[in-house]
Amino acid sequence: MSNEQGDFRWEDPCFAHLKFEGRITEAQIDALFTPLVVRASELPYVLMTVDITEMSGASPESRRQTAKLMEEIPPRAIAVIGGTFSQRMVSKLVLKATELLGKTRQISAFFAEPDAARTWLEEQGGVFDAEIGEP
């Protein structure tokens, strides 16, 4: 799904790809996270890329809504791609809040390029599989 709010793409079995554009609003979070919550609801974990290269900021409401919706997503690994120093700091603030305040396991890392992010996510998928006893 791509629109003026950004982009959400799902890749079976458990990969979510989100791209944020402009200043993130609560409506943008709802538009991008709702399909993610629906797709992820029956999974043991989710591997996510979050592209922030075109993000310019985030409203306080969007940060609160992100934390709320993250509680509905199973354990997850989040690879944040790109971004300026200030974009990464806003993203780190949201991620750290959801890690500390959430009840669901979450790990995250930052990457300059999508290929490195994908490699890391695949490694994290192997860790999750080993923890839940998947082959």
N, C-alpha and C. Protein backbone atom coordinates (compact mmCIF):
# COMPACT_ATOMS: atom_id res chain seq x y z
N MET A 1 0.84 -1.16 0.00
CA MET A 1 0.00 0.00 0.00
C MET A 1 0.89 1.22 0.00
N SER A 2 0.72 2.08 -0.98
CA SER A 2 1.49 3.30 -1.05
C SER A 2 0.53 4.46 -1.24
N ASN A 3 0.72 5.50 -0.48
CA ASN A 3 -0.11 6.69 -0.63
C ASN A 3 0.67 7.88 -0.10
N GLU A 4 -0.02 9.02 0.05
CA GLU A 4 0.66 10.23 0.53
C GLU A 4 1.14 10.08 1.98
N GLN A 5 0.69 9.04 2.66
CA GLN A 5 1.11 8.79 4.04
C GLN A 5 2.44 8.07 4.12
N GLY A 6 2.88 7.47 3.03
CA GLY A 6 4.09 6.67 3.04
C GLY A 6 3.81 5.36 2.34
N ASP A 7 4.51 4.31 2.74
CA ASP A 7 4.37 3.04 2.04
C ASP A 7 4.43 1.88 3.04
N PHE A 8 3.53 0.91 2.85
CA PHE A 8 3.56 -0.34 3.61
C PHE A 8 3.54 -1.47 2.60
N ARG A 9 4.47 -2.41 2.80
CA ARG A 9 4.52 -3.59 1.93
C ARG A 9 4.78 -4.79 2.80
N TRP A 10 4.09 -5.89 2.50
CA TRP A 10 4.25 -7.14 3.25
C TRP A 10 4.91 -8.17 2.35
N GLU A 11 5.82 -8.93 2.93
CA GLU A 11 6.51 -10.01 2.22
C GLU A 11 6.43 -11.25 3.10
N ASP A 12 5.73 -12.28 2.61
CA ASP A 12 5.61 -13.52 3.38
C ASP A 12 6.97 -14.14 3.60
N PRO A 13 7.20 -14.77 4.72
CA PRO A 13 6.20 -15.10 5.72
C PRO A 13 6.02 -14.03 6.81
N CYS A 14 7.04 -13.19 7.04
CA CYS A 14 6.96 -12.33 8.24
C CYS A 14 7.68 -10.99 8.09
N PHE A 15 7.88 -10.53 6.86
CA PHE A 15 8.61 -9.28 6.64
C PHE A 15 7.65 -8.13 6.36
N ALA A 16 7.80 -7.06 7.12
CA ALA A 16 7.04 -5.83 6.89
C ALA A 16 8.02 -4.74 6.47
N HIS A 17 7.64 -3.97 5.47
CA HIS A 17 8.47 -2.88 5.00
C HIS A 17 7.65 -1.60 5.09
N LEU A 18 8.13 -0.64 5.87
CA LEU A 18 7.46 0.64 6.01
C LEU A 18 8.38 1.75 5.57
N LYS A 19 7.80 2.75 4.91
CA LYS A 19 8.57 3.92 4.51
C LYS A 19 7.77 5.14 4.93
N PHE A 20 8.40 6.01 5.71
CA PHE A 20 7.75 7.23 6.17
C PHE A 20 8.19 8.40 5.32
N GLU A 21 7.24 9.30 5.06
CA GLU A 21 7.53 10.49 4.26
C GLU A 21 7.03 11.72 4.98
N GLY A 22 7.82 12.78 4.94
CA GLY A 22 7.42 14.04 5.53
C GLY A 22 7.39 13.99 7.05
N ARG A 23 6.59 14.87 7.62
CA ARG A 23 6.43 14.89 9.09
C ARG A 23 5.39 13.85 9.46
N ILE A 24 5.76 12.93 10.31
CA ILE A 24 4.89 11.82 10.67
C ILE A 24 3.76 12.32 11.58
N THR A 25 2.55 11.98 11.20
CA THR A 25 1.37 12.34 11.98
C THR A 25 0.72 11.08 12.54
N GLU A 26 -0.21 11.27 13.45
CA GLU A 26 -0.95 10.14 13.99
C GLU A 26 -1.71 9.41 12.89
N ALA A 27 -2.28 10.16 11.93
CA ALA A 27 -3.01 9.55 10.81
C ALA A 27 -2.07 8.68 9.97
N GLN A 28 -0.84 9.14 9.77
CA GLN A 28 0.12 8.36 8.99
C GLN A 28 0.46 7.07 9.72
N ILE A 29 0.65 7.13 11.02
CA ILE A 29 0.92 5.93 11.80
C ILE A 29 -0.25 4.95 11.68
N ASP A 30 -1.46 5.44 11.82
CA ASP A 30 -2.64 4.58 11.68
C ASP A 30 -2.69 3.94 10.30
N ALA A 31 -2.44 4.72 9.24
CA ALA A 31 -2.52 4.21 7.87
C ALA A 31 -1.47 3.13 7.59
N LEU A 32 -0.29 3.26 8.16
CA LEU A 32 0.78 2.31 7.88
C LEU A 32 0.82 1.14 8.86
N PHE A 33 0.47 1.36 10.10
CA PHE A 33 0.56 0.30 11.10
C PHE A 33 -0.66 -0.61 11.15
N THR A 34 -1.83 -0.11 10.79
CA THR A 34 -3.03 -0.95 10.85
C THR A 34 -2.89 -2.20 9.98
N PRO A 35 -2.47 -2.08 8.70
CA PRO A 35 -2.30 -3.32 7.92
C PRO A 35 -1.20 -4.21 8.48
N LEU A 36 -0.19 -3.63 9.10
CA LEU A 36 0.86 -4.42 9.73
C LEU A 36 0.31 -5.22 10.90
N VAL A 37 -0.47 -4.58 11.73
CA VAL A 37 -1.07 -5.27 12.88
C VAL A 37 -1.94 -6.43 12.41
N VAL A 38 -2.72 -6.20 11.37
CA VAL A 38 -3.60 -7.25 10.84
C VAL A 38 -2.77 -8.43 10.32
N ARG A 39 -1.75 -8.16 9.53
CA ARG A 39 -0.93 -9.24 8.95
C ARG A 39 -0.14 -9.99 10.01
N ALA A 40 0.30 -9.29 11.04
CA ALA A 40 1.19 -9.89 12.03
C ALA A 40 0.47 -10.59 13.17
N SER A 41 -0.81 -10.42 13.28
CA SER A 41 -1.55 -10.87 14.47
C SER A 41 -1.41 -12.36 14.76
N GLU A 42 -1.23 -13.19 13.78
CA GLU A 42 -1.15 -14.64 13.99
C GLU A 42 0.27 -15.19 13.93
N LEU A 43 1.25 -14.31 13.82
CA LEU A 43 2.64 -14.76 13.66
C LEU A 43 3.38 -14.82 14.98
N PRO A 44 4.42 -15.66 15.07
CA PRO A 44 5.21 -15.71 16.30
C PRO A 44 6.15 -14.50 16.43
N TYR A 45 6.54 -13.90 15.29
CA TYR A 45 7.40 -12.72 15.29
C TYR A 45 7.30 -12.02 13.94
N VAL A 46 7.81 -10.78 13.91
CA VAL A 46 7.81 -9.97 12.69
C VAL A 46 9.19 -9.36 12.51
N LEU A 47 9.64 -9.33 11.27
CA LEU A 47 10.89 -8.68 10.90
C LEU A 47 10.53 -7.45 10.07
N MET A 48 10.98 -6.27 10.50
CA MET A 48 10.53 -5.02 9.88
C MET A 48 11.70 -4.16 9.40
N THR A 49 11.54 -3.60 8.20
CA THR A 49 12.41 -2.50 7.79
C THR A 49 11.58 -1.23 7.89
N VAL A 50 12.21 -0.18 8.36
CA VAL A 50 11.56 1.12 8.46
C VAL A 50 12.49 2.13 7.80
N ASP A 51 12.08 2.61 6.63
CA ASP A 51 12.88 3.56 5.86
C ASP A 51 12.51 4.98 6.28
N ILE A 52 13.48 5.70 6.81
CA ILE A 52 13.22 7.07 7.28
C ILE A 52 13.95 8.11 6.45
N THR A 53 14.44 7.73 5.28
CA THR A 53 15.23 8.66 4.47
C THR A 53 14.44 9.90 4.07
N GLU A 54 13.11 9.80 3.98
CA GLU A 54 12.30 10.95 3.58
C GLU A 54 11.44 11.49 4.71
N MET A 55 11.74 11.08 5.93
CA MET A 55 11.02 11.57 7.10
C MET A 55 11.61 12.91 7.51
N SER A 56 10.73 13.85 7.88
CA SER A 56 11.25 15.15 8.32
C SER A 56 11.02 15.42 9.79
N GLY A 57 10.26 14.57 10.46
CA GLY A 57 9.99 14.75 11.88
C GLY A 57 8.81 13.89 12.29
N ALA A 58 8.41 14.02 13.54
CA ALA A 58 7.29 13.23 14.04
C ALA A 58 6.56 14.03 15.13
N SER A 59 5.25 14.05 15.05
CA SER A 59 4.47 14.74 16.06
C SER A 59 4.45 13.92 17.35
N PRO A 60 4.24 14.57 18.49
CA PRO A 60 4.13 13.81 19.74
C PRO A 60 3.00 12.78 19.68
N GLU A 61 1.90 13.12 19.03
CA GLU A 61 0.77 12.19 18.89
C GLU A 61 1.18 10.96 18.10
N SER A 62 1.99 11.15 17.07
CA SER A 62 2.43 10.00 16.27
C SER A 62 3.32 9.08 17.09
N ARG A 63 4.16 9.65 17.94
CA ARG A 63 5.02 8.82 18.79
C ARG A 63 4.19 8.02 19.79
N ARG A 64 3.18 8.64 20.38
CA ARG A 64 2.30 7.91 21.31
C ARG A 64 1.53 6.81 20.57
N GLN A 65 1.02 7.12 19.39
CA GLN A 65 0.25 6.14 18.63
C GLN A 65 1.13 4.97 18.21
N THR A 66 2.38 5.24 17.85
CA THR A 66 3.31 4.17 17.50
C THR A 66 3.50 3.23 18.68
N ALA A 67 3.75 3.78 19.84
CA ALA A 67 3.94 2.95 21.04
C ALA A 67 2.70 2.11 21.31
N LYS A 68 1.53 2.69 21.14
CA LYS A 68 0.28 1.96 21.38
C LYS A 68 0.12 0.80 20.39
N LEU A 69 0.34 1.06 19.11
CA LEU A 69 0.14 0.02 18.09
C LEU A 69 1.23 -1.05 18.14
N MET A 70 2.43 -0.69 18.57
CA MET A 70 3.50 -1.68 18.68
C MET A 70 3.13 -2.78 19.67
N GLU A 71 2.32 -2.46 20.66
CA GLU A 71 1.87 -3.46 21.64
C GLU A 71 1.03 -4.55 20.99
N GLU A 72 0.47 -4.27 19.83
CA GLU A 72 -0.38 -5.24 19.13
C GLU A 72 0.41 -6.12 18.16
N ILE A 73 1.70 -5.87 18.05
CA ILE A 73 2.55 -6.62 17.14
C ILE A 73 3.37 -7.62 17.96
N PRO A 74 3.48 -8.86 17.48
CA PRO A 74 4.25 -9.87 18.23
C PRO A 74 5.72 -9.46 18.34
N PRO A 75 6.54 -10.26 19.03
CA PRO A 75 7.97 -9.94 19.11
C PRO A 75 8.51 -9.56 17.74
N ARG A 76 9.45 -8.61 17.73
CA ARG A 76 9.86 -8.04 16.45
C ARG A 76 11.32 -7.59 16.45
N ALA A 77 11.89 -7.63 15.26
CA ALA A 77 13.19 -7.03 15.00
C ALA A 77 12.95 -5.91 14.00
N ILE A 78 13.49 -4.74 14.30
CA ILE A 78 13.25 -3.57 13.46
C ILE A 78 14.58 -3.03 12.96
N ALA A 79 14.73 -2.98 11.63
CA ALA A 79 15.92 -2.42 11.00
C ALA A 79 15.53 -1.06 10.42
N VAL A 80 16.09 0.00 10.98
CA VAL A 80 15.82 1.35 10.50
C VAL A 80 16.86 1.69 9.45
N ILE A 81 16.37 2.17 8.30
CA ILE A 81 17.26 2.43 7.17
C ILE A 81 17.35 3.92 6.90
N GLY A 82 18.60 4.40 6.76
CA GLY A 82 18.86 5.77 6.34
C GLY A 82 18.56 6.80 7.39
N GLY A 83 18.39 8.02 6.91
CA GLY A 83 18.03 9.12 7.78
C GLY A 83 19.21 9.98 8.20
N THR A 84 18.89 11.21 8.49
CA THR A 84 19.88 12.14 9.02
C THR A 84 20.06 11.87 10.51
N PHE A 85 20.99 12.56 11.09
CA PHE A 85 21.21 12.42 12.52
C PHE A 85 19.93 12.70 13.31
N SER A 86 19.25 13.80 12.99
CA SER A 86 18.03 14.14 13.74
C SER A 86 16.91 13.13 13.48
N GLN A 87 16.80 12.61 12.27
CA GLN A 87 15.80 11.58 11.97
C GLN A 87 16.06 10.32 12.78
N ARG A 88 17.32 9.93 12.86
CA ARG A 88 17.67 8.74 13.64
C ARG A 88 17.41 8.95 15.13
N MET A 89 17.64 10.16 15.61
CA MET A 89 17.39 10.44 17.03
C MET A 89 15.89 10.35 17.35
N VAL A 90 15.03 10.88 16.48
CA VAL A 90 13.58 10.76 16.69
C VAL A 90 13.19 9.30 16.67
N SER A 91 13.71 8.55 15.72
CA SER A 91 13.39 7.12 15.62
C SER A 91 13.90 6.37 16.84
N LYS A 92 15.09 6.69 17.29
CA LYS A 92 15.65 6.02 18.47
C LYS A 92 14.81 6.31 19.71
N LEU A 93 14.31 7.52 19.82
CA LEU A 93 13.44 7.88 20.95
C LEU A 93 12.19 7.01 20.97
N VAL A 94 11.53 6.87 19.82
CA VAL A 94 10.32 6.06 19.73
C VAL A 94 10.65 4.59 20.00
N LEU A 95 11.70 4.08 19.39
CA LEU A 95 12.06 2.67 19.57
C LEU A 95 12.44 2.37 21.02
N LYS A 96 13.20 3.24 21.63
CA LYS A 96 13.61 3.00 23.02
C LYS A 96 12.40 3.01 23.94
N ALA A 97 11.46 3.93 23.69
CA ALA A 97 10.25 3.98 24.52
C ALA A 97 9.45 2.68 24.38
N THR A 98 9.30 2.18 23.15
CA THR A 98 8.53 0.95 22.97
C THR A 98 9.28 -0.26 23.53
N GLU A 99 10.60 -0.24 23.52
CA GLU A 99 11.38 -1.33 24.10
C GLU A 99 11.26 -1.33 25.62
N LEU A 100 11.37 -0.16 26.22
CA LEU A 100 11.36 -0.07 27.68
C LEU A 100 9.97 -0.23 28.28
N LEU A 101 8.98 0.34 27.63
CA LEU A 101 7.63 0.34 28.19
C LEU A 101 6.77 -0.82 27.72
N GLY A 102 7.17 -1.44 26.63
CA GLY A 102 6.37 -2.52 26.07
C GLY A 102 6.54 -3.83 26.80
N LYS A 103 5.58 -4.71 26.59
CA LYS A 103 5.61 -6.04 27.20
C LYS A 103 6.13 -7.08 26.21
N THR A 104 6.27 -6.69 24.96
CA THR A 104 6.67 -7.61 23.91
C THR A 104 8.13 -7.36 23.53
N ARG A 105 8.87 -8.43 23.30
CA ARG A 105 10.27 -8.31 22.94
C ARG A 105 10.45 -7.53 21.64
N GLN A 106 11.42 -6.63 21.67
CA GLN A 106 11.74 -5.84 20.49
C GLN A 106 13.23 -5.56 20.48
N ILE A 107 13.84 -5.75 19.31
CA ILE A 107 15.23 -5.37 19.12
C ILE A 107 15.30 -4.49 17.88
N SER A 108 16.25 -3.59 17.86
CA SER A 108 16.35 -2.69 16.71
C SER A 108 17.79 -2.35 16.44
N ALA A 109 18.04 -1.95 15.20
CA ALA A 109 19.37 -1.51 14.78
C ALA A 109 19.21 -0.56 13.61
N PHE A 110 20.23 0.26 13.37
CA PHE A 110 20.19 1.25 12.30
C PHE A 110 21.18 0.88 11.21
N PHE A 111 20.77 1.12 9.94
CA PHE A 111 21.58 0.73 8.79
C PHE A 111 21.55 1.83 7.73
N ALA A 112 22.66 1.93 7.01
CA ALA A 112 22.74 2.90 5.91
C ALA A 112 22.10 2.34 4.64
N GLU A 113 22.12 1.02 4.49
CA GLU A 113 21.66 0.40 3.25
C GLU A 113 20.69 -0.74 3.50
N PRO A 114 19.71 -0.92 2.59
CA PRO A 114 18.72 -1.99 2.75
C PRO A 114 19.32 -3.40 2.78
N ASP A 115 20.38 -3.65 2.02
CA ASP A 115 20.95 -5.01 1.99
C ASP A 115 21.50 -5.42 3.35
N ALA A 116 22.18 -4.52 4.02
CA ALA A 116 22.70 -4.81 5.35
C ALA A 116 21.56 -5.02 6.34
N ALA A 117 20.50 -4.23 6.20
CA ALA A 117 19.33 -4.38 7.07
C ALA A 117 18.69 -5.75 6.86
N ARG A 118 18.56 -6.16 5.63
CA ARG A 118 17.94 -7.45 5.31
C ARG A 118 18.76 -8.61 5.89
N THR A 119 20.07 -8.52 5.75
CA THR A 119 20.94 -9.57 6.29
C THR A 119 20.76 -9.67 7.80
N TRP A 120 20.76 -8.53 8.49
CA TRP A 120 20.57 -8.53 9.94
C TRP A 120 19.21 -9.10 10.32
N LEU A 121 18.16 -8.71 9.59
CA LEU A 121 16.81 -9.22 9.90
C LEU A 121 16.74 -10.72 9.72
N GLU A 122 17.35 -11.25 8.67
CA GLU A 122 17.35 -12.70 8.47
C GLU A 122 18.07 -13.41 9.61
N GLU A 123 19.16 -12.82 10.10
CA GLU A 123 19.85 -13.38 11.27
C GLU A 123 18.93 -13.37 12.49
N GLN A 124 18.22 -12.27 12.70
CA GLN A 124 17.31 -12.18 13.84
C GLN A 124 16.16 -13.17 13.71
N GLY A 125 15.69 -13.41 12.48
CA GLY A 125 14.68 -14.44 12.26
C GLY A 125 15.17 -15.80 12.71
N GLY A 126 16.45 -16.10 12.43
CA GLY A 126 17.04 -17.35 12.90
C GLY A 126 17.08 -17.45 14.41
N VAL A 127 17.35 -16.33 15.07
CA VAL A 127 17.37 -16.30 16.54
C VAL A 127 15.96 -16.56 17.06
N PHE A 128 14.97 -15.87 16.51
CA PHE A 128 13.59 -16.09 16.92
C PHE A 128 13.17 -17.54 16.70
N ASP A 129 13.52 -18.10 15.52
CA ASP A 129 13.16 -19.49 15.23
C ASP A 129 13.77 -20.44 16.27
N ALA A 130 15.04 -20.22 16.61
CA ALA A 130 15.71 -21.08 17.60
C ALA A 130 15.01 -20.96 18.96
N GLU A 131 14.58 -19.78 19.31
CA GLU A 131 13.92 -19.57 20.61
C GLU A 131 12.56 -20.27 20.69
N ILE A 132 11.86 -20.31 19.55
CA ILE A 132 10.52 -20.94 19.58
C ILE A 132 10.54 -22.37 19.10
N GLY A 133 11.75 -22.87 18.73
CA GLY A 133 11.89 -24.26 18.35
C GLY A 133 11.52 -24.57 16.92
N GLU A 134 11.58 -23.56 16.05
CA GLU A 134 11.32 -23.78 14.62
C GLU A 134 12.57 -24.30 13.95
N PRO A 135 12.42 -25.12 12.90
CA PRO A 135 13.60 -25.64 12.18
C PRO A 135 14.29 -24.56 11.36
